[in-house]
N, C-alpha and C. Protein backbone atom coordinates (compact mmCIF):
# COMPACT_ATOMS: atom_id res chain seq x y z
N MET A 1 120.26 68.02 179.71
CA MET A 1 121.12 66.89 179.96
C MET A 1 120.84 66.38 181.37
N GLY A 2 120.81 65.06 181.52
CA GLY A 2 120.54 64.46 182.81
C GLY A 2 121.80 64.24 183.62
N LEU A 3 121.63 63.51 184.70
CA LEU A 3 122.76 63.18 185.57
C LEU A 3 123.80 62.35 184.83
N PHE A 4 125.07 62.62 185.12
CA PHE A 4 126.16 61.78 184.62
C PHE A 4 127.32 61.89 185.58
N SER A 5 128.19 60.91 185.52
CA SER A 5 129.33 60.90 186.42
C SER A 5 130.46 60.07 185.80
N TYR A 6 131.62 60.17 186.41
CA TYR A 6 132.79 59.43 185.98
C TYR A 6 133.41 58.75 187.19
N ASN A 7 134.14 57.68 186.93
CA ASN A 7 134.78 56.91 187.99
C ASN A 7 136.15 57.49 188.33
N CYS A 8 136.45 57.47 189.61
CA CYS A 8 137.74 57.90 190.11
C CYS A 8 138.83 56.98 189.58
N LYS A 9 139.92 57.55 189.09
CA LYS A 9 141.05 56.77 188.57
C LYS A 9 141.73 55.95 189.65
N SER A 10 141.56 56.32 190.90
CA SER A 10 142.23 55.60 191.98
C SER A 10 141.37 54.47 192.54
N CYS A 11 140.17 54.77 193.03
CA CYS A 11 139.36 53.75 193.72
C CYS A 11 138.32 53.08 192.82
N GLY A 12 138.02 53.69 191.67
CA GLY A 12 137.06 53.10 190.75
C GLY A 12 135.60 53.42 191.04
N HIS A 13 135.32 54.10 192.14
CA HIS A 13 133.95 54.51 192.46
C HIS A 13 133.66 55.84 191.78
N PRO A 14 132.38 56.12 191.47
CA PRO A 14 132.06 57.36 190.78
C PRO A 14 132.06 58.58 191.70
N ALA A 15 132.11 59.73 191.06
CA ALA A 15 131.85 60.98 191.77
C ALA A 15 130.36 60.96 192.09
N LEU A 16 130.02 61.10 193.35
CA LEU A 16 128.62 61.07 193.77
C LEU A 16 128.11 62.48 194.02
N ALA A 17 126.84 62.69 193.70
CA ALA A 17 126.23 63.99 193.95
C ALA A 17 124.91 63.84 194.69
N THR A 18 124.30 62.68 194.58
CA THR A 18 123.00 62.45 195.20
C THR A 18 123.02 61.11 195.92
N ASN A 19 121.96 60.83 196.66
CA ASN A 19 121.85 59.57 197.42
C ASN A 19 123.03 59.37 198.36
N LEU A 20 123.54 60.44 198.91
CA LEU A 20 124.72 60.35 199.78
C LEU A 20 124.33 59.92 201.19
N LYS A 21 125.24 59.17 201.81
CA LYS A 21 125.11 58.77 203.20
C LYS A 21 126.38 59.25 203.91
N PRO A 22 126.37 59.27 205.23
CA PRO A 22 127.58 59.72 205.92
C PRO A 22 128.85 58.98 205.50
N ILE A 23 128.75 57.68 205.18
CA ILE A 23 129.95 56.91 204.85
C ILE A 23 130.54 57.32 203.50
N ASN A 24 129.74 57.85 202.58
CA ASN A 24 130.29 58.15 201.26
C ASN A 24 130.17 59.61 200.83
N ARG A 25 129.85 60.50 201.75
CA ARG A 25 129.75 61.94 201.40
C ARG A 25 131.06 62.48 200.82
N TRP A 26 132.16 61.91 201.24
CA TRP A 26 133.47 62.36 200.76
C TRP A 26 133.62 62.15 199.26
N MET A 27 132.82 61.27 198.66
CA MET A 27 132.92 60.99 197.23
C MET A 27 132.32 62.10 196.37
N ARG A 28 131.75 63.10 197.01
CA ARG A 28 131.22 64.26 196.28
C ARG A 28 132.34 65.26 195.96
N ASN A 29 133.37 65.28 196.76
CA ASN A 29 134.49 66.21 196.57
C ASN A 29 135.48 65.61 195.59
N VAL A 30 135.64 66.27 194.45
CA VAL A 30 136.44 65.69 193.37
C VAL A 30 137.45 66.68 192.79
N VAL A 31 138.35 66.12 192.00
CA VAL A 31 139.34 66.88 191.24
C VAL A 31 139.28 66.38 189.80
N ALA A 32 139.07 67.30 188.85
CA ALA A 32 139.13 66.96 187.43
C ALA A 32 140.39 67.61 186.87
N ILE A 33 141.19 66.81 186.17
CA ILE A 33 142.45 67.30 185.60
C ILE A 33 142.37 67.12 184.08
N PHE A 34 142.51 68.21 183.35
CA PHE A 34 142.38 68.19 181.90
C PHE A 34 143.74 68.02 181.24
N GLU A 35 143.73 67.66 179.95
CA GLU A 35 144.96 67.44 179.19
C GLU A 35 145.86 68.67 179.20
N ASP A 36 145.26 69.87 179.24
CA ASP A 36 146.05 71.10 179.23
C ASP A 36 146.60 71.46 180.60
N GLY A 37 146.34 70.59 181.61
CA GLY A 37 146.85 70.81 182.96
C GLY A 37 145.90 71.57 183.87
N GLN A 38 144.81 72.11 183.32
CA GLN A 38 143.84 72.83 184.16
C GLN A 38 143.20 71.85 185.13
N ARG A 39 142.98 72.33 186.35
CA ARG A 39 142.36 71.53 187.41
C ARG A 39 141.11 72.23 187.91
N ILE A 40 140.08 71.44 188.17
CA ILE A 40 138.87 71.94 188.83
C ILE A 40 138.70 71.12 190.09
N VAL A 41 138.51 71.79 191.21
CA VAL A 41 138.38 71.12 192.50
C VAL A 41 137.12 71.62 193.19
N GLY A 42 136.34 70.69 193.75
CA GLY A 42 135.16 71.09 194.52
C GLY A 42 134.13 70.00 194.57
N GLU A 43 132.92 70.37 195.00
CA GLU A 43 131.82 69.42 195.10
C GLU A 43 131.18 69.23 193.73
N TYR A 44 130.91 67.98 193.38
CA TYR A 44 130.29 67.66 192.10
C TYR A 44 128.77 67.70 192.25
N ASP A 45 128.08 68.33 191.28
CA ASP A 45 126.62 68.46 191.38
C ASP A 45 125.84 67.41 190.59
N GLY A 46 126.53 66.54 189.85
CA GLY A 46 125.85 65.51 189.08
C GLY A 46 125.52 65.92 187.65
N TYR A 47 125.70 67.20 187.35
CA TYR A 47 125.36 67.73 186.02
C TYR A 47 126.54 68.39 185.31
N GLY A 48 127.75 68.16 185.80
CA GLY A 48 128.93 68.69 185.13
C GLY A 48 129.62 69.83 185.84
N THR A 49 129.02 70.37 186.89
CA THR A 49 129.64 71.47 187.62
C THR A 49 130.41 70.94 188.82
N ILE A 50 131.64 71.41 188.94
CA ILE A 50 132.48 71.09 190.10
C ILE A 50 132.81 72.39 190.79
N GLY A 51 132.40 72.50 192.05
CA GLY A 51 132.66 73.72 192.81
C GLY A 51 132.05 74.93 192.14
N ASP A 52 132.76 76.05 192.20
CA ASP A 52 132.25 77.28 191.60
C ASP A 52 132.98 77.64 190.31
N SER A 53 133.60 76.64 189.68
CA SER A 53 134.35 76.89 188.45
C SER A 53 133.42 77.25 187.29
N ASP A 54 133.89 78.11 186.42
CA ASP A 54 133.14 78.44 185.21
C ASP A 54 133.24 77.32 184.18
N ARG A 55 134.29 76.52 184.27
CA ARG A 55 134.45 75.40 183.34
C ARG A 55 133.72 74.18 183.88
N ARG A 56 132.88 73.60 183.05
CA ARG A 56 132.15 72.40 183.42
C ARG A 56 132.77 71.20 182.73
N ILE A 57 132.61 70.03 183.33
CA ILE A 57 133.02 68.83 182.63
C ILE A 57 131.87 68.44 181.71
N LEU A 58 132.20 67.92 180.55
CA LEU A 58 131.20 67.54 179.57
C LEU A 58 131.23 66.04 179.36
N MET A 59 130.10 65.48 179.00
CA MET A 59 130.07 64.06 178.69
C MET A 59 131.03 63.80 177.53
N ASP A 60 131.78 62.73 177.61
CA ASP A 60 132.75 62.32 176.58
C ASP A 60 133.95 63.26 176.46
N GLU A 61 134.19 64.10 177.44
CA GLU A 61 135.36 64.97 177.43
C GLU A 61 136.53 64.21 178.06
N ASN A 62 137.74 64.52 177.62
CA ASN A 62 138.92 63.86 178.17
C ASN A 62 139.43 64.60 179.39
N PHE A 63 139.32 63.96 180.53
CA PHE A 63 139.88 64.47 181.78
C PHE A 63 140.06 63.29 182.72
N THR A 64 140.95 63.47 183.67
CA THR A 64 141.17 62.46 184.71
C THR A 64 140.43 62.93 185.95
N LEU A 65 139.64 62.05 186.54
CA LEU A 65 138.88 62.41 187.73
C LEU A 65 139.38 61.60 188.92
N TYR A 66 139.55 62.29 190.02
CA TYR A 66 139.86 61.66 191.31
C TYR A 66 138.90 62.22 192.35
N HIS A 67 138.55 61.41 193.33
CA HIS A 67 137.96 61.98 194.53
C HIS A 67 139.09 62.76 195.19
N ALA A 68 138.80 63.88 195.78
CA ALA A 68 139.85 64.69 196.41
C ALA A 68 140.61 63.86 197.45
N ALA A 69 139.90 63.03 198.22
CA ALA A 69 140.56 62.20 199.23
C ALA A 69 141.49 61.18 198.59
N CYS A 70 141.08 60.60 197.47
CA CYS A 70 141.93 59.60 196.79
C CYS A 70 143.19 60.27 196.24
N GLU A 71 143.02 61.46 195.66
CA GLU A 71 144.20 62.17 195.14
C GLU A 71 145.16 62.50 196.28
N GLU A 72 144.60 62.93 197.41
CA GLU A 72 145.44 63.24 198.56
C GLU A 72 146.22 62.01 199.02
N MET A 73 145.57 60.86 199.03
CA MET A 73 146.25 59.63 199.45
C MET A 73 147.35 59.23 198.47
N LEU A 74 147.19 59.58 197.20
CA LEU A 74 148.20 59.27 196.19
C LEU A 74 149.38 60.24 196.24
N GLY A 75 149.19 61.36 196.90
CA GLY A 75 150.21 62.40 196.95
C GLY A 75 149.87 63.50 195.97
N ALA A 76 148.91 64.30 196.32
CA ALA A 76 148.43 65.39 195.45
C ALA A 76 149.54 66.39 195.21
N PRO A 77 149.54 67.09 194.11
CA PRO A 77 148.57 66.96 193.03
C PRO A 77 149.02 65.94 191.98
N GLN A 78 148.05 65.26 191.41
CA GLN A 78 148.29 64.32 190.33
C GLN A 78 148.24 65.08 189.00
N LYS A 79 148.64 64.41 187.93
CA LYS A 79 148.60 64.99 186.59
C LYS A 79 147.57 64.24 185.76
N TYR A 80 147.24 64.79 184.61
CA TYR A 80 146.35 64.12 183.67
C TYR A 80 146.95 62.76 183.32
N SER A 81 146.16 61.70 183.43
CA SER A 81 146.67 60.35 183.14
C SER A 81 145.70 59.57 182.26
N GLY A 82 145.08 60.26 181.34
CA GLY A 82 144.12 59.62 180.45
C GLY A 82 142.71 59.81 180.96
N PRO A 83 141.75 59.60 180.08
CA PRO A 83 140.36 59.86 180.46
C PRO A 83 139.83 58.87 181.49
N SER A 84 139.03 59.38 182.41
CA SER A 84 138.33 58.52 183.37
C SER A 84 137.14 57.88 182.67
N GLU A 85 136.74 56.71 183.15
CA GLU A 85 135.61 56.01 182.57
C GLU A 85 134.29 56.60 183.04
N SER A 86 133.33 56.61 182.15
CA SER A 86 131.98 57.04 182.49
C SER A 86 131.39 56.04 183.49
N ALA A 87 130.68 56.54 184.49
CA ALA A 87 130.08 55.67 185.50
C ALA A 87 128.76 55.09 184.98
N ASP A 88 128.67 53.77 184.95
CA ASP A 88 127.45 53.11 184.47
C ASP A 88 126.22 53.53 185.26
N ASP A 89 126.38 53.78 186.56
CA ASP A 89 125.23 54.14 187.40
C ASP A 89 125.00 55.64 187.49
N GLN A 90 125.76 56.39 186.72
CA GLN A 90 125.65 57.85 186.64
C GLN A 90 125.88 58.53 187.99
N GLY A 91 126.48 57.83 188.94
CA GLY A 91 126.71 58.40 190.26
C GLY A 91 125.42 58.64 191.03
N HIS A 92 124.34 58.03 190.57
CA HIS A 92 123.03 58.25 191.20
C HIS A 92 122.20 56.98 191.28
N PHE A 93 122.12 56.22 190.20
CA PHE A 93 121.24 55.05 190.13
C PHE A 93 122.01 53.79 190.53
N TYR A 94 122.27 53.67 191.81
CA TYR A 94 123.03 52.52 192.29
C TYR A 94 122.31 51.84 193.45
N GLU A 95 122.62 50.57 193.62
CA GLU A 95 122.00 49.80 194.68
C GLU A 95 122.55 50.21 196.04
N ALA A 96 121.72 50.08 197.06
CA ALA A 96 122.14 50.42 198.42
C ALA A 96 123.42 49.66 198.76
N GLY A 97 124.37 50.37 199.28
CA GLY A 97 125.63 49.78 199.71
C GLY A 97 126.70 49.69 198.63
N ALA A 98 126.34 49.96 197.38
CA ALA A 98 127.30 49.81 196.28
C ALA A 98 128.53 50.70 196.44
N HIS A 99 128.36 51.86 197.03
CA HIS A 99 129.49 52.79 197.19
C HIS A 99 129.71 53.16 198.66
N ASP A 100 129.41 52.21 199.54
CA ASP A 100 129.64 52.42 200.98
C ASP A 100 131.10 52.13 201.30
N MET A 101 131.93 53.10 201.04
CA MET A 101 133.37 52.97 201.29
C MET A 101 133.80 54.12 202.19
N PRO A 102 134.43 53.84 203.30
CA PRO A 102 134.86 54.93 204.19
C PRO A 102 135.95 55.79 203.55
N ASP A 103 136.01 57.00 203.98
CA ASP A 103 137.02 57.94 203.53
C ASP A 103 138.41 57.32 203.75
N PRO A 104 139.21 57.23 202.70
CA PRO A 104 140.53 56.59 202.84
C PRO A 104 141.49 57.33 203.76
N ARG A 105 141.18 58.58 204.07
CA ARG A 105 142.06 59.35 204.95
C ARG A 105 141.83 59.01 206.41
N GLY A 106 140.73 58.31 206.73
CA GLY A 106 140.45 57.93 208.11
C GLY A 106 139.70 59.02 208.85
N LYS A 107 139.11 58.66 209.98
CA LYS A 107 138.30 59.59 210.76
C LYS A 107 139.08 60.78 211.31
N SER A 108 140.23 60.54 211.92
CA SER A 108 140.96 61.63 212.56
C SER A 108 141.37 62.69 211.54
N LYS A 109 141.70 62.28 210.33
CA LYS A 109 142.10 63.22 209.28
C LYS A 109 140.92 64.11 208.89
N ARG A 110 139.72 63.50 208.76
CA ARG A 110 138.54 64.27 208.38
C ARG A 110 138.21 65.30 209.46
N ARG A 111 138.29 64.89 210.71
CA ARG A 111 137.97 65.82 211.80
C ARG A 111 138.96 66.97 211.84
N THR A 112 140.22 66.66 211.66
CA THR A 112 141.24 67.70 211.66
C THR A 112 141.00 68.68 210.52
N ALA A 113 140.71 68.17 209.33
CA ALA A 113 140.46 69.04 208.18
C ALA A 113 139.24 69.91 208.43
N ALA A 114 138.19 69.35 209.05
CA ALA A 114 136.99 70.12 209.32
C ALA A 114 137.28 71.24 210.32
N LYS A 115 138.10 70.96 211.33
CA LYS A 115 138.45 71.99 212.31
C LYS A 115 139.23 73.11 211.66
N VAL A 116 140.16 72.77 210.81
CA VAL A 116 140.99 73.76 210.16
C VAL A 116 140.15 74.63 209.22
N ALA A 117 139.15 74.03 208.56
CA ALA A 117 138.35 74.74 207.58
C ALA A 117 137.33 75.70 208.21
N ARG A 118 136.99 75.50 209.47
CA ARG A 118 136.00 76.36 210.12
C ARG A 118 136.56 77.75 210.37
N PRO A 119 135.84 78.78 209.93
CA PRO A 119 136.31 80.15 210.22
C PRO A 119 136.09 80.49 211.69
N ARG A 120 136.98 81.28 212.21
CA ARG A 120 136.82 81.73 213.61
C ARG A 120 135.90 82.95 213.63
N LEU A 121 135.05 82.98 214.60
CA LEU A 121 134.11 84.11 214.73
C LEU A 121 134.59 85.09 215.75
């Protein structure tokens, strides 16, 4: 199976796994919410794997997808709200600038999150 992706229910941009630039790297971190309430959170690889979960998303499967940042802006956690649309560009085959959208949480939020996530040595 080749690359595939789905569009975020909030911003409409796909989960990205490749061709990332600093402005859109945040679009790789996603949340998939299934009808049964199960959630998968992590980096999307473009082939159905999110983070280190054993459950993969499948093409034509019913789940709601959000970028983690978009879900946070909506007031995480969200619930299943119907299937997300398949991304026409597969989250990979898109024109330069098509998904150049800054992180909706803003710069200071990203820096704070990065500081908190770093382990102390």
